[in-house]
PDB file of N, CA and C in Angstrom:
ATOM      1  N   MET A   1     -25.576  37.436  -3.802  1.00  0.00           N
ATOM      2  CA  MET A   1     -24.791  37.962  -4.871  1.00  0.00           C
ATOM      3  C   MET A   1     -23.387  37.392  -4.755  1.00  0.00           C
ATOM      4  N   ASP A   2     -22.848  36.967  -5.828  1.00  0.00           N
ATOM      5  CA  ASP A   2     -21.463  36.472  -5.836  1.00  0.00           C
ATOM      6  C   ASP A   2     -20.514  37.626  -6.089  1.00  0.00           C
ATOM      7  N   VAL A   3     -19.438  37.644  -5.353  1.00  0.00           N
ATOM      8  CA  VAL A   3     -18.389  38.671  -5.543  1.00  0.00           C
ATOM      9  C   VAL A   3     -17.032  37.992  -5.645  1.00  0.00           C
ATOM     10  N   THR A   4     -16.110  38.698  -6.234  1.00  0.00           N
ATOM     11  CA  THR A   4     -14.739  38.230  -6.314  1.00  0.00           C
ATOM     12  C   THR A   4     -13.868  39.222  -5.571  1.00  0.00           C
ATOM     13  N   LEU A   5     -13.078  38.726  -4.636  1.00  0.00           N
ATOM     14  CA  LEU A   5     -12.157  39.589  -3.901  1.00  0.00           C
ATOM     15  C   LEU A   5     -10.858  39.708  -4.683  1.00  0.00           C
ATOM     16  N   GLU A   6     -10.362  40.921  -4.831  1.00  0.00           N
ATOM     17  CA  GLU A   6      -9.115  41.148  -5.544  1.00  0.00           C
ATOM     18  C   GLU A   6      -8.013  41.390  -4.537  1.00  0.00           C
ATOM     19  N   GLY A   7      -6.798  41.025  -4.875  1.00  0.00           N
ATOM     20  CA  GLY A   7      -5.666  41.250  -4.019  1.00  0.00           C
ATOM     21  C   GLY A   7      -5.464  40.099  -3.055  1.00  0.00           C
ATOM     22  N   PRO A   8      -4.471  40.255  -2.195  1.00  0.00           N
ATOM     23  CA  PRO A   8      -4.188  39.170  -1.244  1.00  0.00           C
ATOM     24  C   PRO A   8      -5.321  39.020  -0.226  1.00  0.00           C
ATOM     25  N   LEU A   9      -5.599  37.779   0.129  1.00  0.00           N
ATOM     26  CA  LEU A   9      -6.646  37.503   1.112  1.00  0.00           C
ATOM     27  C   LEU A   9      -6.108  37.731   2.519  1.00  0.00           C
ATOM     28  N   PHE A  10      -6.974  38.046   3.416  1.00  0.00           N
ATOM     29  CA  PHE A  10      -6.598  38.291   4.807  1.00  0.00           C
ATOM     30  C   PHE A  10      -6.368  36.965   5.524  1.00  0.00           C
ATOM     31  N   PRO A  11      -5.612  36.989   6.615  1.00  0.00           N
ATOM     32  CA  PRO A  11      -5.371  35.750   7.360  1.00  0.00           C
ATOM     33  C   PRO A  11      -6.713  35.133   7.835  1.00  0.00           C
ATOM     34  N   GLY A  12      -6.843  33.877   7.696  1.00  0.00           N
ATOM     35  CA  GLY A  12      -8.071  33.182   8.131  1.00  0.00           C
ATOM     36  C   GLY A  12      -9.109  33.082   7.034  1.00  0.00           C
ATOM     37  N   ALA A  13      -8.851  33.654   5.841  1.00  0.00           N
ATOM     38  CA  ALA A  13      -9.821  33.565   4.742  1.00  0.00           C
ATOM     39  C   ALA A  13      -9.914  32.121   4.282  1.00  0.00           C
ATOM     40  N   ARG A  14     -11.151  31.707   3.934  1.00  0.00           N
ATOM     41  CA  ARG A  14     -11.352  30.335   3.482  1.00  0.00           C
ATOM     42  C   ARG A  14     -12.545  30.328   2.520  1.00  0.00           C
ATOM     43  N   PRO A  15     -12.700  29.293   1.709  1.00  0.00           N
ATOM     44  CA  PRO A  15     -13.835  29.220   0.793  1.00  0.00           C
ATOM     45  C   PRO A  15     -15.163  29.250   1.557  1.00  0.00           C
ATOM     46  N   GLU A  16     -16.186  29.801   0.928  1.00  0.00           N
ATOM     47  CA  GLU A  16     -17.555  29.867   1.478  1.00  0.00           C
ATOM     48  C   GLU A  16     -17.677  30.785   2.703  1.00  0.00           C
ATOM     49  N   LEU A  17     -16.712  31.635   2.932  1.00  0.00           N
ATOM     50  CA  LEU A  17     -16.758  32.589   4.045  1.00  0.00           C
ATOM     51  C   LEU A  17     -17.746  33.700   3.692  1.00  0.00           C
ATOM     52  N   SER A  18     -18.603  34.050   4.607  1.00  0.00           N
ATOM     53  CA  SER A  18     -19.578  35.145   4.372  1.00  0.00           C
ATOM     54  C   SER A  18     -18.877  36.486   4.431  1.00  0.00           C
ATOM     55  N   VAL A  19     -19.302  37.399   3.568  1.00  0.00           N
ATOM     56  CA  VAL A  19     -18.762  38.754   3.533  1.00  0.00           C
ATOM     57  C   VAL A  19     -19.934  39.710   3.497  1.00  0.00           C
ATOM     58  N   ASP A  20     -19.919  40.719   4.378  1.00  0.00           N
ATOM     59  CA  ASP A  20     -20.932  41.761   4.350  1.00  0.00           C
ATOM     60  C   ASP A  20     -20.388  42.945   3.559  1.00  0.00           C
ATOM     61  N   GLY A  21     -21.241  43.601   2.816  1.00  0.00           N
ATOM     62  CA  GLY A  21     -20.803  44.765   2.047  1.00  0.00           C
ATOM     63  C   GLY A  21     -21.973  45.622   1.636  1.00  0.00           C
ATOM     64  N   THR A  22     -21.680  46.749   1.078  1.00  0.00           N
ATOM     65  CA  THR A  22     -22.691  47.681   0.592  1.00  0.00           C
ATOM     66  C   THR A  22     -22.475  47.888  -0.904  1.00  0.00           C
ATOM     67  N   ILE A  23     -23.549  47.784  -1.640  1.00  0.00           N
ATOM     68  CA  ILE A  23     -23.482  48.033  -3.092  1.00  0.00           C
ATOM     69  C   ILE A  23     -24.071  49.394  -3.334  1.00  0.00           C
ATOM     70  N   GLU A  24     -23.264  50.293  -3.841  1.00  0.00           N
ATOM     71  CA  GLU A  24     -23.706  51.663  -4.118  1.00  0.00           C
ATOM     72  C   GLU A  24     -24.098  51.750  -5.572  1.00  0.00           C
ATOM     73  N   THR A  25     -25.370  52.000  -5.847  1.00  0.00           N
ATOM     74  CA  THR A  25     -25.843  52.093  -7.206  1.00  0.00           C
ATOM     75  C   THR A  25     -25.937  53.535  -7.706  1.00  0.00           C
ATOM     76  N   GLU A  26     -25.988  54.476  -6.748  1.00  0.00           N
ATOM     77  CA  GLU A  26     -26.102  55.868  -7.119  1.00  0.00           C
ATOM     78  C   GLU A  26     -25.686  56.707  -5.930  1.00  0.00           C
ATOM     79  N   ARG A  27     -25.031  57.841  -6.197  1.00  0.00           N
ATOM     80  CA  ARG A  27     -24.644  58.758  -5.124  1.00  0.00           C
ATOM     81  C   ARG A  27     -25.240  60.116  -5.470  1.00  0.00           C
ATOM     82  N   LEU A  28     -25.995  60.676  -4.542  1.00  0.00           N
ATOM     83  CA  LEU A  28     -26.651  61.951  -4.748  1.00  0.00           C
ATOM     84  C   LEU A  28     -26.003  63.015  -3.876  1.00  0.00           C
ATOM     85  N   ALA A  29     -25.740  64.187  -4.427  1.00  0.00           N
ATOM     86  CA  ALA A  29     -25.159  65.281  -3.665  1.00  0.00           C
ATOM     87  C   ALA A  29     -26.230  66.325  -3.353  1.00  0.00           C
ATOM     88  N   ASN A  30     -26.094  66.979  -2.220  1.00  0.00           N
ATOM     89  CA  ASN A  30     -27.010  68.065  -1.819  1.00  0.00           C
ATOM     90  C   ASN A  30     -28.477  67.640  -1.821  1.00  0.00           C
ATOM     91  N   VAL A  31     -28.761  66.532  -1.143  1.00  0.00           N
ATOM     92  CA  VAL A  31     -30.110  65.990  -1.084  1.00  0.00           C
ATOM     93  C   VAL A  31     -30.602  66.071   0.349  1.00  0.00           C
ATOM     94  N   LEU A  32     -31.825  66.564   0.532  1.00  0.00           N
ATOM     95  CA  LEU A  32     -32.467  66.557   1.849  1.00  0.00           C
ATOM     96  C   LEU A  32     -33.161  65.219   1.998  1.00  0.00           C
ATOM     97  N   TYR A  33     -32.880  64.525   3.104  1.00  0.00           N
ATOM     98  CA  TYR A  33     -33.503  63.225   3.317  1.00  0.00           C
ATOM     99  C   TYR A  33     -33.775  63.007   4.791  1.00  0.00           C
ATOM    100  N   VAL A  34     -34.707  62.090   5.060  1.00  0.00           N
ATOM    101  CA  VAL A  34     -35.017  61.694   6.438  1.00  0.00           C
ATOM    102  C   VAL A  34     -35.077  60.171   6.472  1.00  0.00           C
ATOM    103  N   GLY A  35     -35.164  59.626   7.688  1.00  0.00           N
ATOM    104  CA  GLY A  35     -35.396  58.191   7.810  1.00  0.00           C
ATOM    105  C   GLY A  35     -36.688  57.836   7.121  1.00  0.00           C
ATOM    106  N   ARG A  36     -36.779  56.620   6.679  1.00  0.00           N
ATOM    107  CA  ARG A  36     -37.971  56.214   5.927  1.00  0.00           C
ATOM    108  C   ARG A  36     -39.166  56.094   6.854  1.00  0.00           C
ATOM    109  N   PRO A  37     -40.252  56.821   6.570  1.00  0.00           N
ATOM    110  CA  PRO A  37     -41.436  56.761   7.407  1.00  0.00           C
ATOM    111  C   PRO A  37     -42.102  55.380   7.333  1.00  0.00           C
ATOM    112  N   VAL A  38     -42.893  55.066   8.338  1.00  0.00           N
ATOM    113  CA  VAL A  38     -43.633  53.799   8.361  1.00  0.00           C
ATOM    114  C   VAL A  38     -44.517  53.688   7.132  1.00  0.00           C
ATOM    115  N   HIS A  39     -45.246  54.764   6.844  1.00  0.00           N
ATOM    116  CA  HIS A  39     -46.108  54.805   5.666  1.00  0.00           C
ATOM    117  C   HIS A  39     -45.507  55.773   4.661  1.00  0.00           C
ATOM    118  N   GLY A  40     -45.624  55.480   3.404  1.00  0.00           N
ATOM    119  CA  GLY A  40     -45.120  56.387   2.385  1.00  0.00           C
ATOM    120  C   GLY A  40     -44.205  55.690   1.409  1.00  0.00           C
ATOM    121  N   GLN A  41     -44.581  55.737   0.171  1.00  0.00           N
ATOM    122  CA  GLN A  41     -43.821  55.096  -0.895  1.00  0.00           C
ATOM    123  C   GLN A  41     -42.992  56.157  -1.621  1.00  0.00           C
ATOM    124  N   PRO A  42     -41.900  55.744  -2.263  1.00  0.00           N
ATOM    125  CA  PRO A  42     -41.136  56.700  -3.057  1.00  0.00           C
ATOM    126  C   PRO A  42     -42.020  57.386  -4.092  1.00  0.00           C
ATOM    127  N   HIS A  43     -41.709  58.622  -4.383  1.00  0.00           N
ATOM    128  CA  HIS A  43     -42.424  59.396  -5.416  1.00  0.00           C
ATOM    129  C   HIS A  43     -43.904  59.538  -5.067  1.00  0.00           C
ATOM    130  N   SER A  44     -44.194  59.840  -3.817  1.00  0.00           N
ATOM    131  CA  SER A  44     -45.580  60.053  -3.388  1.00  0.00           C
ATOM    132  C   SER A  44     -45.607  61.265  -2.441  1.00  0.00           C
ATOM    133  N   THR A  45     -46.808  61.693  -2.122  1.00  0.00           N
ATOM    134  CA  THR A  45     -46.987  62.763  -1.141  1.00  0.00           C
ATOM    135  C   THR A  45     -47.655  62.174   0.089  1.00  0.00           C
ATOM    136  N   ILE A  46     -47.086  62.444   1.248  1.00  0.00           N
ATOM    137  CA  ILE A  46     -47.610  61.937   2.505  1.00  0.00           C
ATOM    138  C   ILE A  46     -47.758  63.073   3.479  1.00  0.00           C
ATOM    139  N   ARG A  47     -48.391  62.802   4.606  1.00  0.00           N
ATOM    140  CA  ARG A  47     -48.526  63.807   5.654  1.00  0.00           C
ATOM    141  C   ARG A  47     -47.808  63.284   6.891  1.00  0.00           C
ATOM    142  N   LEU A  48     -46.881  64.105   7.390  1.00  0.00           N
ATOM    143  CA  LEU A  48     -46.099  63.783   8.585  1.00  0.00           C
ATOM    144  C   LEU A  48     -46.338  64.854   9.644  1.00  0.00           C
ATOM    145  N   PHE A  49     -46.095  64.475  10.888  1.00  0.00           N
ATOM    146  CA  PHE A  49     -46.121  65.466  11.964  1.00  0.00           C
ATOM    147  C   PHE A  49     -44.715  66.066  12.092  1.00  0.00           C
ATOM    148  N   LYS A  50     -44.645  67.394  11.969  1.00  0.00           N
ATOM    149  CA  LYS A  50     -43.384  68.114  12.132  1.00  0.00           C
ATOM    150  C   LYS A  50     -43.386  68.788  13.498  1.00  0.00           C
ATOM    151  N   LEU A  51     -42.308  68.559  14.252  1.00  0.00           N
ATOM    152  CA  LEU A  51     -42.185  69.149  15.586  1.00  0.00           C
ATOM    153  C   LEU A  51     -41.994  70.651  15.466  1.00  0.00           C
ATOM    154  N   LEU A  52     -42.720  71.394  16.281  1.00  0.00           N
ATOM    155  CA  LEU A  52     -42.563  72.848  16.307  1.00  0.00           C
ATOM    156  C   LEU A  52     -41.355  73.205  17.174  1.00  0.00           C
ATOM    157  N   PRO A  53     -40.543  74.166  16.727  1.00  0.00           N
ATOM    158  CA  PRO A  53     -39.364  74.549  17.520  1.00  0.00           C
ATOM    159  C   PRO A  53     -39.772  75.083  18.909  1.00  0.00           C
ATOM    160  N   ASN A  54     -38.987  74.747  19.921  1.00  0.00           N
ATOM    161  CA  ASN A  54     -39.216  75.241  21.287  1.00  0.00           C
ATOM    162  C   ASN A  54     -40.624  74.984  21.782  1.00  0.00           C
ATOM    163  N   SER A  55     -41.160  73.820  21.467  1.00  0.00           N
ATOM    164  CA  SER A  55     -42.530  73.493  21.831  1.00  0.00           C
ATOM    165  C   SER A  55     -42.639  71.995  22.054  1.00  0.00           C
ATOM    166  N   ASN A  56     -43.720  71.578  22.696  1.00  0.00           N
ATOM    167  CA  ASN A  56     -44.010  70.154  22.840  1.00  0.00           C
ATOM    168  C   ASN A  56     -45.162  69.757  21.928  1.00  0.00           C
ATOM    169  N   GLU A  57     -45.308  70.471  20.803  1.00  0.00           N
ATOM    170  CA  GLU A  57     -46.378  70.214  19.866  1.00  0.00           C
ATOM    171  C   GLU A  57     -45.793  69.895  18.478  1.00  0.00           C
ATOM    172  N   ALA A  58     -46.619  69.200  17.697  1.00  0.00           N
ATOM    173  CA  ALA A  58     -46.257  68.880  16.312  1.00  0.00           C
ATOM    174  C   ALA A  58     -47.471  69.161  15.436  1.00  0.00           C
ATOM    175  N   VAL A  59     -47.226  69.632  14.215  1.00  0.00           N
ATOM    176  CA  VAL A  59     -48.295  69.913  13.264  1.00  0.00           C
ATOM    177  C   VAL A  59     -48.113  69.033  12.038  1.00  0.00           C
ATOM    178  N   ARG A  60     -49.247  68.693  11.423  1.00  0.00           N
ATOM    179  CA  ARG A  60     -49.214  67.848  10.233  1.00  0.00           C
ATOM    180  C   ARG A  60     -48.868  68.695   9.022  1.00  0.00           C
ATOM    181  N   VAL A  61     -47.901  68.202   8.218  1.00  0.00           N
ATOM    182  CA  VAL A  61     -47.500  68.904   7.001  1.00  0.00           C
ATOM    183  C   VAL A  61     -47.482  67.904   5.839  1.00  0.00           C
ATOM    184  N   SER A  62     -47.730  68.404   4.632  1.00  0.00           N
ATOM    185  CA  SER A  62     -47.627  67.574   3.433  1.00  0.00           C
ATOM    186  C   SER A  62     -46.174  67.539   2.982  1.00  0.00           C
ATOM    187  N   VAL A  63     -45.685  66.369   2.659  1.00  0.00           N
ATOM    188  CA  VAL A  63     -44.292  66.178   2.267  1.00  0.00           C
ATOM    189  C   VAL A  63     -44.265  65.345   0.990  1.00  0.00           C
ATOM    190  N   ARG A  64     -43.564  65.875  -0.024  1.00  0.00           N
ATOM    191  CA  ARG A  64     -43.433  65.143  -1.281  1.00  0.00           C
ATOM    192  C   ARG A  64     -42.117  64.380  -1.251  1.00  0.00           C
ATOM    193  N   LEU A  65     -42.223  63.054  -1.420  1.00  0.00           N
ATOM    194  CA  LEU A  65     -41.058  62.171  -1.359  1.00  0.00           C
ATOM    195  C   LEU A  65     -40.499  61.917  -2.763  1.00  0.00           C
ATOM    196  N   GLY A  66     -39.211  61.644  -2.796  1.00  0.00           N
ATOM    197  CA  GLY A  66     -38.554  61.292  -4.049  1.00  0.00           C
ATOM    198  C   GLY A  66     -38.024  59.872  -3.967  1.00  0.00           C
ATOM    199  N   ARG A  67     -36.771  59.705  -4.347  1.00  0.00           N
ATOM    200  CA  ARG A  67     -36.138  58.390  -4.356  1.00  0.00           C
ATOM    201  C   ARG A  67     -35.916  57.912  -2.919  1.00  0.00           C
ATOM    202  N   SER A  68     -35.796  56.604  -2.792  1.00  0.00           N
ATOM    203  CA  SER A  68     -35.593  56.061  -1.444  1.00  0.00           C
ATOM    204  C   SER A  68     -34.567  54.940  -1.462  1.00  0.00           C
ATOM    205  N   SER A  69     -34.037  54.689  -0.275  1.00  0.00           N
ATOM    206  CA  SER A  69     -33.165  53.528  -0.068  1.00  0.00           C
ATOM    207  C   SER A  69     -33.837  52.664   0.982  1.00  0.00           C
ATOM    208  N   VAL A  70     -33.133  51.719   1.518  1.00  0.00           N
ATOM    209  CA  VAL A  70     -33.703  50.852   2.535  1.00  0.00           C
ATOM    210  C   VAL A  70     -34.075  51.643   3.782  1.00  0.00           C
ATOM    211  N   ASN A  71     -33.255  52.636   4.162  1.00  0.00           N
ATOM    212  CA  ASN A  71     -33.449  53.330   5.432  1.00  0.00           C
ATOM    213  C   ASN A  71     -33.852  54.798   5.303  1.00  0.00           C
ATOM    214  N   THR A  72     -33.667  55.408   4.150  1.00  0.00           N
ATOM    215  CA  THR A  72     -33.926  56.833   4.013  1.00  0.00           C
ATOM    216  C   THR A  72     -34.781  57.110   2.777  1.00  0.00           C
ATOM    217  N   VAL A  73     -35.338  58.339   2.756  1.00  0.00           N
ATOM    218  CA  VAL A  73     -36.124  58.772   1.597  1.00  0.00           C
ATOM    219  C   VAL A  73     -35.814  60.234   1.337  1.00  0.00           C
ATOM    220  N   GLU A  74     -35.723  60.593   0.077  1.00  0.00           N
ATOM    221  CA  GLU A  74     -35.428  61.952  -0.376  1.00  0.00           C
ATOM    222  C   GLU A  74     -36.672  62.824  -0.156  1.00  0.00           C
ATOM    223  N   ILE A  75     -36.444  64.056   0.321  1.00  0.00           N
ATOM    224  CA  ILE A  75     -37.533  65.031   0.495  1.00  0.00           C
ATOM    225  C   ILE A  75     -37.456  66.051  -0.632  1.00  0.00           C
ATOM    226  N   LEU A  76     -38.514  66.138  -1.426  1.00  0.00           N
ATOM    227  CA  LEU A  76     -38.559  67.084  -2.536  1.00  0.00           C
ATOM    228  C   LEU A  76     -39.251  68.376  -2.136  1.00  0.00           C
ATOM    229  N   GLU A  77     -40.267  68.298  -1.283  1.00  0.00           N
ATOM    230  CA  GLU A  77     -41.016  69.480  -0.849  1.00  0.00           C
ATOM    231  C   GLU A  77     -41.614  69.217   0.517  1.00  0.00           C
ATOM    232  N   GLY A  78     -41.825  70.293   1.271  1.00  0.00           N
ATOM    233  CA  GLY A  78     -42.581  70.197   2.525  1.00  0.00           C
ATOM    234  C   GLY A  78     -41.745  70.275   3.775  1.00  0.00           C
ATOM    235  N   LEU A  79     -40.443  70.031   3.692  1.00  0.00           N
ATOM    236  CA  LEU A  79     -39.553  70.106   4.854  1.00  0.00           C
ATOM    237  C   LEU A  79     -38.299  70.883   4.470  1.00  0.00           C
ATOM    238  N   GLN A  80     -37.647  71.423   5.483  1.00  0.00           N
ATOM    239  CA  GLN A  80     -36.377  72.119   5.282  1.00  0.00           C
ATOM    240  C   GLN A  80     -35.326  71.475   6.170  1.00  0.00           C
ATOM    241  N   GLU A  81     -34.076  71.729   5.846  1.00  0.00           N
ATOM    242  CA  GLU A  81     -32.987  71.221   6.664  1.00  0.00           C
ATOM    243  C   GLU A  81     -33.155  71.663   8.108  1.00  0.00           C
ATOM    244  N   GLY A  82     -33.020  70.751   9.045  1.00  0.00           N
ATOM    245  CA  GLY A  82     -33.186  71.053  10.453  1.00  0.00           C
ATOM    246  C   GLY A  82     -34.557  70.736  11.005  1.00  0.00           C
ATOM    247  N   ASP A  83     -35.555  70.569  10.135  1.00  0.00           N
ATOM    248  CA  ASP A  83     -36.895  70.180  10.603  1.00  0.00           C
ATOM    249  C   ASP A  83     -36.820  68.807  11.227  1.00  0.00           C
ATOM    250  N   ARG A  84     -37.597  68.612  12.269  1.00  0.00           N
ATOM    251  CA  ARG A  84     -37.679  67.310  12.921  1.00  0.00           C
ATOM    252  C   ARG A  84     -39.091  66.769  12.755  1.00  0.00           C
ATOM    253  N   VAL A  85     -39.203  65.516  12.351  1.00  0.00           N
ATOM    254  CA  VAL A  85     -40.503  64.914  12.078  1.00  0.00           C
ATOM    255  C   VAL A  85     -40.661  63.608  12.840  1.00  0.00           C
ATOM    256  N   ILE A  86     -41.892  63.188  12.986  1.00  0.00           N
ATOM    257  CA  ILE A  86     -42.217  61.910  13.624  1.00  0.00           C
ATOM    258  C   ILE A  86     -42.404  60.874  12.499  1.00  0.00           C
ATOM    259  N   LEU A  87     -41.617  59.828  12.524  1.00  0.00           N
ATOM    260  CA  LEU A  87     -41.659  58.804  11.478  1.00  0.00           C
ATOM    261  C   LEU A  87     -42.491  57.604  11.883  1.00  0.00           C
ATOM    262  N   SER A  88     -42.876  57.516  13.132  1.00  0.00           N
ATOM    263  CA  SER A  88     -43.664  56.382  13.633  1.00  0.00           C
ATOM    264  C   SER A  88     -45.071  56.385  13.077  1.00  0.00           C
ATOM    265  N   ASP A  89     -45.736  55.267  13.189  1.00  0.00           N
ATOM    266  CA  ASP A  89     -47.112  55.134  12.746  1.00  0.00           C
ATOM    267  C   ASP A  89     -48.030  55.893  13.697  1.00  0.00           C
ATOM    268  N   LEU A  90     -48.591  56.995  13.211  1.00  0.00           N
ATOM    269  CA  LEU A  90     -49.553  57.761  13.990  1.00  0.00           C
ATOM    270  C   LEU A  90     -50.912  57.770  13.301  1.00  0.00           C
ATOM    271  N   SER A  91     -51.258  56.665  12.647  1.00  0.00           N
ATOM    272  CA  SER A  91     -52.519  56.603  11.931  1.00  0.00           C
ATOM    273  C   SER A  91     -53.712  56.771  12.876  1.00  0.00           C
ATOM    274  N   ALA A  92     -53.528  56.487  14.149  1.00  0.00           N
ATOM    275  CA  ALA A  92     -54.615  56.700  15.115  1.00  0.00           C
ATOM    276  C   ALA A  92     -54.909  58.192  15.284  1.00  0.00           C
ATOM    277  N   GLN A  93     -54.006  59.035  14.820  1.00  0.00           N
ATOM    278  CA  GLN A  93     -54.185  60.495  14.927  1.00  0.00           C
ATOM    279  C   GLN A  93     -54.561  61.122  13.607  1.00  0.00           C
ATOM    280  N   ASP A  94     -55.046  60.329  12.653  1.00  0.00           N
ATOM    281  CA  ASP A  94     -55.368  60.828  11.303  1.00  0.00           C
ATOM    282  C   ASP A  94     -56.353  61.989  11.303  1.00  0.00           C
ATOM    283  N   VAL A  95     -57.223  62.073  12.299  1.00  0.00           N
ATOM    284  CA  VAL A  95     -58.218  63.134  12.299  1.00  0.00           C
ATOM    285  C   VAL A  95     -57.664  64.427  12.870  1.00  0.00           C
ATOM    286  N   ARG A  96     -56.445  64.409  13.382  1.00  0.00           N
ATOM    287  CA  ARG A  96     -55.867  65.592  14.005  1.00  0.00           C
ATOM    288  C   ARG A  96     -54.798  66.222  13.107  1.00  0.00           C
ATOM    289  N   ASP A  97     -54.715  67.542  13.146  1.00  0.00           N
ATOM    290  CA  ASP A  97     -53.684  68.260  12.425  1.00  0.00           C
ATOM    291  C   ASP A  97     -52.602  68.794  13.373  1.00  0.00           C
ATOM    292  N   ARG A  98     -52.825  68.661  14.669  1.00  0.00           N
ATOM    293  CA  ARG A  98     -51.872  69.112  15.686  1.00  0.00           C
ATOM    294  C   ARG A  98     -51.940  68.169  16.861  1.00  0.00           C
ATOM    295  N   ILE A  99     -50.761  67.787  17.410  1.00  0.00           N
ATOM    296  CA  ILE A  99     -50.744  66.939  18.576  1.00  0.00           C
ATOM    297  C   ILE A  99     -49.784  67.528  19.591  1.00  0.00           C
ATOM    298  N   ARG A 100     -49.995  67.191  20.845  1.00  0.00           N
ATOM    299  CA  ARG A 100     -49.121  67.624  21.943  1.00  0.00           C
ATOM    300  C   ARG A 100     -48.348  66.376  22.431  1.00  0.00           C
ATOM    301  N   LEU A 101     -47.056  66.544  22.616  1.00  0.00           N
ATOM    302  CA  LEU A 101     -46.203  65.442  23.060  1.00  0.00           C
ATOM    303  C   LEU A 101     -45.924  65.585  24.533  1.00  0.00           C
ATOM    304  N   LYS A 102     -45.825  64.465  25.231  1.00  0.00           N
ATOM    305  CA  LYS A 102     -45.494  64.497  26.653  1.00  0.00           C
ATOM    306  C   LYS A 102     -44.019  64.425  26.854  1.00  0.00           C
TER     307      LYS A 102
END
């Protein structure tokens, strides 16, 4: 993407210099979100393992996803603020609804 810098250039600026930046297309307020799971597309329902409080176990829960970015996804249903989930690929555990963590 081509950009134009406004204002005085910083010392050492030169043509063809790379610039890193973030393009914000939308800002959402009061949104529950988590890191993007290995599996799961925006606007879909997936099953994640949610860690049980004060336990070394996790149970599978259905989670409805909303909009997503590169690193995060909006949670519409299935989780509450403070819930901890496993985002890694646990497809080998698809037949289980509860797992114990070491």
